[in-house]
Amino acid sequence: MTARRLTRPTWLDRVSDFSTQAGRGWRTVAAKELADHVLSRRFLVLLAILGLAALATVYFSSQLIRDAATQASGSPALFLRLFTVTGDQFPFPFFGLVSFVLPLVGIAFGFDAINGERSLGTLPRLLAQPIHRDDVINGKFAAGLLVIGLILASVTALVAAFGLLRLGITPGAGDVARMIAWVVLSIVYVGLWLAFAMLCSVAILRAATAALVAFGVWLALSLFFNLVASLLAGALAPAAGTAPDALVANARLEQQLTELSPITLYQEATVALLNPSVRTVGVVLPQQADRAIPSTLSIDQSLLVVWPQAVALVALTVLCFAVAYVIFMRQEVRA
């Protein structure tokens, strides 16, 4: 009888097995977290609140568009006005509602991602399984992004269907492309707040304290950041009298300071994506506006306009998640 020869696995086989096992780890955590999120009351309550608020904004804005449908029938991107027009009985349009409420959704799904496991005592048992430590935070972040994408896509589809039935206007290919681009941008924007909430969850042991810190930062950026930027611009570049150069310098400095906030970046990118008539998001002088030829931009040109804002949002998201990742990998997990 001839003895069988046992071959040793090569280094390539070991690397392949390790990468396969690592890939399964974060996908397993993400699938488990996704199932918990979708079946939780938190998901249903947030979806119901956001859906009702979105329908209210679209109802009043569609009423204005419907009343002026005869005069505006030939205007470009009429269907997208559902997302940008403000009704008389509602304080802000749909995209304003999204920029104000969706950060709360990201914070709600991230503030207890890690410290919640610590308080329940399940984190050591989770890491005792054949799962790498980085798979835990990667899987939780991926599951949060998937849930946020599901909520945003559902609400956007609901708004579009309601507007289609109420207005009777079929969106064109350009309108659909702009809506898809806006949904992707919104997922990145909410992913930033999810990453920041997970950073608070990793760095702060108590979930309640992490939630307060995350909500406090969101509230400060939403309500007070523009006021602080205006005061700083007035102190650093005062608009003395009515000198045109001083006024322009003050306006540009205030614009640059407000763009340090992710909320401003998202709002500027949203306006340029959903309104093809917007040609720039910076300070426009009157002589520049007079020389501009009235026209609309294509979707690729609008993407070029919002490219700096989109890159800044992605960079901030990566930075927050990278800091949370490094802190979590250096922390000690006690049984």
Protein backbone atom coordinates (compact mmCIF):
# COMPACT_ATOMS: atom_id res chain seq x y z
CA MET A 1 0.00 0.00 0.00
CA THR A 2 1.19 3.44 -0.77
CA ALA A 3 0.97 5.90 2.03
CA ARG A 4 -0.90 9.09 1.43
CA ARG A 5 1.16 12.19 1.37
CA LEU A 6 -0.10 14.97 3.53
CA THR A 7 0.63 18.34 2.03
CA ARG A 8 1.12 21.34 4.24
CA PRO A 9 -1.00 24.37 3.51
CA THR A 10 0.97 27.09 1.86
CA TRP A 11 1.08 30.69 3.09
CA LEU A 12 -1.34 31.62 0.33
CA ASP A 13 -3.88 29.10 1.64
CA ARG A 14 -3.49 30.47 5.17
CA VAL A 15 -4.02 34.03 4.01
CA SER A 16 -7.09 32.96 2.04
CA ASP A 17 -8.56 31.12 5.05
CA PHE A 18 -7.87 34.09 7.32
CA SER A 19 -9.48 36.57 4.94
CA THR A 20 -12.49 34.28 4.48
CA GLN A 21 -12.95 33.92 8.23
CA ALA A 22 -12.49 37.67 8.77
CA GLY A 23 -15.00 38.46 6.04
CA ARG A 24 -17.56 36.12 7.57
CA GLY A 25 -17.08 37.67 11.00
CA TRP A 26 -18.24 41.21 10.27
CA ARG A 27 -20.98 39.96 7.96
CA THR A 28 -22.30 37.74 10.77
CA VAL A 29 -22.32 40.64 13.22
CA ALA A 30 -23.94 42.92 10.63
CA ALA A 31 -26.68 40.39 9.86
CA LYS A 32 -27.45 39.92 13.56
CA GLU A 33 -27.49 43.67 14.24
CA LEU A 34 -29.59 44.34 11.14
CA ALA A 35 -32.21 41.83 12.27
CA ASP A 36 -32.26 43.37 15.75
CA HIS A 37 -32.64 46.89 14.34
CA VAL A 38 -35.40 46.05 11.87
CA LEU A 39 -37.42 44.11 14.45
CA SER A 40 -36.96 46.70 17.20
CA ARG A 41 -39.53 49.27 18.30
CA ARG A 42 -36.94 51.98 17.77
CA PHE A 43 -36.91 51.31 14.03
CA LEU A 44 -40.70 51.26 13.72
CA VAL A 45 -41.17 54.44 15.76
CA LEU A 46 -38.50 56.38 13.84
CA LEU A 47 -39.87 55.19 10.51
CA ALA A 48 -43.43 56.15 11.45
CA ILE A 49 -42.44 59.61 12.75
CA LEU A 50 -40.25 60.41 9.76
CA GLY A 51 -42.85 59.11 7.31
CA LEU A 52 -45.68 61.17 8.81
CA ALA A 53 -43.55 64.31 8.96
CA ALA A 54 -42.44 63.79 5.36
CA LEU A 55 -46.01 63.35 4.15
CA ALA A 56 -47.02 66.54 5.95
CA THR A 57 -44.26 68.58 4.29
CA VAL A 58 -45.01 67.14 0.85
CA TYR A 59 -48.75 67.66 1.23
CA PHE A 60 -48.43 71.41 1.76
CA SER A 61 -45.66 71.86 -0.82
CA SER A 62 -47.59 69.86 -3.42
CA GLN A 63 -50.61 72.07 -2.80
CA LEU A 64 -48.58 75.13 -3.82
CA ILE A 65 -47.19 73.35 -6.88
CA ARG A 66 -50.64 72.14 -7.84
CA ASP A 67 -52.11 75.64 -7.59
CA ALA A 68 -49.34 77.01 -9.83
CA ALA A 69 -49.21 74.02 -12.19
CA THR A 70 -50.53 75.98 -15.16
CA GLN A 71 -47.85 78.64 -14.95
CA ALA A 72 -45.05 76.22 -13.99
CA SER A 73 -45.86 73.40 -16.41
CA GLY A 74 -42.92 74.23 -18.64
CA SER A 75 -40.36 74.77 -15.89
CA PRO A 76 -37.53 72.24 -15.50
CA ALA A 77 -37.45 69.68 -12.66
CA LEU A 78 -41.00 70.46 -11.57
CA PHE A 79 -41.28 67.13 -9.77
CA LEU A 80 -38.20 67.87 -7.64
CA ARG A 81 -39.93 70.93 -6.19
CA LEU A 82 -41.70 68.50 -3.88
CA PHE A 83 -38.40 68.24 -2.01
CA THR A 84 -37.46 71.93 -2.00
CA VAL A 85 -40.68 74.01 -1.84
CA THR A 86 -41.92 75.17 1.56
CA GLY A 87 -45.64 75.24 2.28
CA ASP A 88 -47.46 78.06 4.04
CA GLN A 89 -48.41 75.89 7.01
CA PHE A 90 -45.11 74.03 7.47
CA PRO A 91 -41.83 75.68 8.50
CA PHE A 92 -39.37 73.95 6.15
CA PRO A 93 -39.29 71.77 3.01
CA PHE A 94 -38.68 68.05 2.89
CA PHE A 95 -34.91 68.28 2.52
CA GLY A 96 -34.84 70.63 5.53
CA LEU A 97 -36.75 68.04 7.53
CA VAL A 98 -34.26 65.38 6.49
CA SER A 99 -31.24 67.51 7.38
CA PHE A 100 -32.78 68.24 10.79
CA VAL A 101 -34.25 64.86 11.76
CA LEU A 102 -32.03 62.23 10.11
CA PRO A 103 -28.98 63.00 12.30
CA LEU A 104 -31.16 61.92 15.22
CA VAL A 105 -31.72 58.59 13.44
CA GLY A 106 -27.96 58.07 13.10
CA ILE A 107 -27.41 58.97 16.75
CA ALA A 108 -30.26 56.71 17.86
CA PHE A 109 -28.69 53.67 16.19
CA GLY A 110 -25.12 54.38 17.32
CA PHE A 111 -24.99 55.87 20.81
CA ASP A 112 -25.27 52.46 22.56
CA ALA A 113 -23.58 50.26 19.97
CA ILE A 114 -20.55 49.37 22.14
CA ASN A 115 -21.27 50.59 25.66
CA GLY A 116 -24.66 48.87 25.48
CA GLU A 117 -22.85 45.56 25.03
CA ARG A 118 -20.57 46.46 27.93
CA SER A 119 -23.43 47.30 30.28
CA LEU A 120 -25.21 44.04 29.46
CA GLY A 121 -21.99 42.06 29.87
CA THR A 122 -22.28 40.51 26.40
CA LEU A 123 -19.16 42.08 24.86
CA PRO A 124 -16.65 39.58 26.40
CA ARG A 125 -18.84 36.66 25.36
CA LEU A 126 -19.17 38.09 21.88
CA LEU A 127 -15.40 38.40 21.52
CA ALA A 128 -14.96 34.88 22.95
CA GLN A 129 -16.54 33.57 19.74
CA PRO A 130 -14.35 33.02 16.65
CA ILE A 131 -14.87 36.68 15.73
CA HIS A 132 -12.14 39.26 15.55
CA ARG A 133 -12.48 42.42 17.59
CA ASP A 134 -12.63 44.70 14.56
CA ASP A 135 -15.48 42.60 13.13
CA VAL A 136 -17.69 43.83 15.97
CA ILE A 137 -17.37 47.55 15.26
CA ASN A 138 -17.29 47.03 11.47
CA GLY A 139 -20.43 44.90 11.55
CA LYS A 140 -22.31 47.30 13.80
CA PHE A 141 -21.44 50.27 11.58
CA ALA A 142 -22.43 48.39 8.42
CA ALA A 143 -25.75 47.33 9.97
CA GLY A 144 -26.47 50.91 11.03
CA LEU A 145 -25.78 52.19 7.53
CA LEU A 146 -28.06 49.56 6.02
CA VAL A 147 -30.90 50.46 8.37
CA ILE A 148 -30.44 54.18 7.67
CA GLY A 149 -30.42 53.50 3.93
CA LEU A 150 -33.58 51.42 4.26
CA ILE A 151 -35.38 54.18 6.19
CA LEU A 152 -34.29 56.93 3.82
CA ALA A 153 -35.09 54.95 0.66
CA SER A 154 -38.52 54.01 2.03
CA VAL A 155 -39.41 57.57 2.98
CA THR A 156 -38.14 58.97 -0.33
CA ALA A 157 -40.15 56.40 -2.29
CA LEU A 158 -43.22 57.21 -0.20
CA VAL A 159 -42.82 60.94 -0.87
CA ALA A 160 -42.27 60.38 -4.59
CA ALA A 161 -45.33 58.11 -4.85
CA PHE A 162 -47.48 60.60 -2.95
CA GLY A 163 -46.32 63.45 -5.16
CA LEU A 164 -46.88 61.39 -8.29
CA LEU A 165 -50.45 60.59 -7.31
CA ARG A 166 -51.27 64.11 -6.14
CA LEU A 167 -49.59 66.10 -8.90
CA GLY A 168 -49.91 63.65 -11.77
CA ILE A 169 -46.40 64.58 -12.94
CA THR A 170 -44.08 61.80 -14.04
CA PRO A 171 -40.43 62.39 -13.09
CA GLY A 172 -37.93 62.27 -15.93
CA ALA A 173 -34.69 60.33 -16.06
CA GLY A 174 -32.77 63.37 -14.81
CA ASP A 175 -35.12 63.78 -11.86
CA VAL A 176 -34.70 60.11 -10.89
CA ALA A 177 -30.91 60.39 -11.18
CA ARG A 178 -30.92 63.47 -8.95
CA MET A 179 -33.08 61.73 -6.35
CA ILE A 180 -30.75 58.71 -6.31
CA ALA A 181 -27.70 60.96 -5.96
CA TRP A 182 -29.43 62.83 -3.13
CA VAL A 183 -30.30 59.59 -1.32
CA VAL A 184 -26.66 58.44 -1.53
CA LEU A 185 -25.49 61.82 -0.24
CA SER A 186 -28.01 61.66 2.61
CA ILE A 187 -26.81 58.18 3.60
CA VAL A 188 -23.25 59.53 3.78
CA TYR A 189 -24.45 62.48 5.85
CA VAL A 190 -26.34 60.32 8.34
CA GLY A 191 -23.43 57.87 8.33
CA LEU A 192 -21.31 60.73 9.67
CA TRP A 193 -23.61 61.09 12.66
CA LEU A 194 -23.71 57.32 13.08
CA ALA A 195 -19.91 57.23 13.16
CA PHE A 196 -19.81 60.12 15.64
CA ALA A 197 -22.39 58.38 17.86
CA MET A 198 -20.33 55.18 17.76
CA LEU A 199 -17.27 57.22 18.71
CA CYS A 200 -19.17 58.49 21.75
CA SER A 201 -20.30 54.93 22.48
CA VAL A 202 -16.70 53.67 22.42
CA ALA A 203 -15.13 56.54 24.35
CA ILE A 204 -17.89 56.94 26.99
CA LEU A 205 -18.83 54.03 29.21
CA ARG A 206 -22.44 55.00 29.96
CA ALA A 207 -24.97 54.96 27.14
CA ALA A 208 -26.99 57.84 28.60
CA THR A 209 -23.92 60.08 28.78
CA ALA A 210 -22.93 59.15 25.22
CA ALA A 211 -26.43 60.02 23.99
CA LEU A 212 -26.33 63.39 25.77
CA VAL A 213 -22.95 64.25 24.25
CA ALA A 214 -24.03 63.26 20.74
CA PHE A 215 -27.36 65.11 20.99
CA GLY A 216 -25.60 68.13 22.49
CA VAL A 217 -23.16 68.38 19.58
CA TRP A 218 -26.00 68.02 17.07
CA LEU A 219 -28.04 70.69 18.87
CA ALA A 220 -25.10 73.09 19.03
CA LEU A 221 -24.36 72.70 15.32
CA SER A 222 -28.03 73.01 14.36
CA LEU A 223 -28.98 76.06 16.42
CA PHE A 224 -25.90 78.01 17.42
CA PHE A 225 -23.12 77.38 14.92
CA ASN A 226 -24.33 79.90 12.33
CA LEU A 227 -24.62 82.57 15.01
CA VAL A 228 -21.09 81.86 16.24
CA ALA A 229 -19.77 81.95 12.66
CA SER A 230 -21.48 85.29 12.06
CA LEU A 231 -19.97 86.76 15.24
CA LEU A 232 -16.50 85.48 14.37
CA ALA A 233 -16.75 86.86 10.85
CA GLY A 234 -17.82 90.22 12.22
CA ALA A 235 -14.84 90.25 14.59
CA LEU A 236 -12.19 89.03 12.14
CA ALA A 237 -13.44 90.84 9.03
CA PRO A 238 -15.75 93.64 10.14
CA ALA A 239 -18.02 95.11 7.51
CA ALA A 240 -17.10 98.72 8.19
CA GLY A 241 -19.75 101.06 6.83
CA THR A 242 -20.90 100.18 3.33
CA ALA A 243 -17.52 99.55 1.70
CA PRO A 244 -18.09 96.85 -0.96
CA ASP A 245 -14.73 95.13 -0.35
CA ALA A 246 -15.36 94.88 3.39
CA LEU A 247 -18.87 93.50 2.85
CA VAL A 248 -17.62 90.86 0.40
CA ALA A 249 -14.76 89.86 2.70
CA ASN A 250 -17.14 89.53 5.63
CA ALA A 251 -19.63 87.46 3.62
CA ARG A 252 -16.94 85.13 2.29
CA LEU A 253 -15.40 84.59 5.71
CA GLU A 254 -18.80 83.84 7.21
CA GLN A 255 -19.47 81.38 4.38
CA GLN A 256 -16.15 79.62 4.99
CA LEU A 257 -16.79 79.40 8.72
CA THR A 258 -20.29 77.99 8.32
CA GLU A 259 -18.96 75.35 5.93
CA LEU A 260 -17.04 73.87 8.86
CA SER A 261 -20.39 72.43 9.95
CA PRO A 262 -21.52 69.19 8.24
CA ILE A 263 -25.09 70.48 8.33
CA THR A 264 -24.18 73.41 6.09
CA LEU A 265 -22.22 71.16 3.73
CA TYR A 266 -25.19 68.82 3.39
CA GLN A 267 -27.70 71.62 2.84
CA GLU A 268 -25.56 73.25 0.14
CA ALA A 269 -25.07 69.95 -1.67
CA THR A 270 -28.79 69.13 -1.39
CA VAL A 271 -29.90 72.46 -2.87
CA ALA A 272 -27.50 72.06 -5.82
CA LEU A 273 -28.59 68.47 -6.48
CA LEU A 274 -32.35 68.97 -6.24
CA ASN A 275 -32.43 72.32 -8.05
CA PRO A 276 -30.72 72.22 -11.46
CA SER A 277 -30.92 76.04 -11.67
CA VAL A 278 -28.35 76.40 -8.89
CA ARG A 279 -24.96 76.96 -10.50
CA THR A 280 -22.81 77.62 -7.42
CA VAL A 281 -23.03 77.32 -3.64
CA GLY A 282 -20.65 80.14 -2.71
CA VAL A 283 -21.02 83.90 -2.39
CA VAL A 284 -22.33 85.36 -5.66
CA LEU A 285 -21.83 89.05 -6.38
CA PRO A 286 -24.61 91.02 -8.14
CA GLN A 287 -22.48 91.64 -11.23
CA GLN A 288 -21.74 87.92 -11.46
CA ALA A 289 -25.45 87.10 -11.27
CA ASP A 290 -26.25 89.65 -13.98
CA ARG A 291 -23.66 88.20 -16.37
CA ALA A 292 -24.80 84.60 -15.86
CA ILE A 293 -26.93 83.09 -18.61
CA PRO A 294 -30.20 81.67 -17.20
CA SER A 295 -30.00 77.92 -17.78
CA THR A 296 -30.13 74.61 -15.97
CA LEU A 297 -27.32 72.21 -15.24
CA SER A 298 -27.20 68.54 -16.13
CA ILE A 299 -26.76 65.95 -13.42
CA ASP A 300 -23.04 65.50 -14.06
CA GLN A 301 -22.48 69.27 -13.86
CA SER A 302 -24.43 69.44 -10.59
CA LEU A 303 -22.28 66.62 -9.23
CA LEU A 304 -19.20 68.67 -10.04
CA VAL A 305 -20.70 71.59 -8.10
CA VAL A 306 -21.35 69.49 -4.97
CA TRP A 307 -18.17 67.41 -5.24
CA PRO A 308 -16.23 69.38 -2.55
CA GLN A 309 -19.10 69.10 -0.07
CA ALA A 310 -19.51 65.37 -0.73
CA VAL A 311 -15.79 64.70 -0.31
CA ALA A 312 -15.76 66.69 2.94
CA LEU A 313 -18.68 64.67 4.34
CA VAL A 314 -16.99 61.39 3.40
CA ALA A 315 -13.72 62.54 4.98
CA LEU A 316 -15.45 63.51 8.23
CA THR A 317 -17.25 60.15 8.33
CA VAL A 318 -14.02 58.23 7.79
CA LEU A 319 -12.25 60.33 10.44
CA CYS A 320 -14.92 59.72 13.10
CA PHE A 321 -15.07 56.00 12.38
CA ALA A 322 -11.26 55.68 12.29
CA VAL A 323 -10.93 57.33 15.71
CA ALA A 324 -13.66 55.07 17.12
CA TYR A 325 -11.98 52.04 15.55
CA VAL A 326 -8.55 52.83 17.04
CA ILE A 327 -9.96 53.51 20.50
CA PHE A 328 -12.00 50.31 20.47
CA MET A 329 -9.05 48.20 19.33
CA ARG A 330 -6.92 49.58 22.19
CA GLN A 331 -9.53 49.13 24.91
CA GLU A 332 -9.39 46.26 27.38
CA VAL A 333 -12.39 43.98 27.51
CA ARG A 334 -12.90 42.55 30.97
CA ALA A 335 -14.96 39.46 31.63
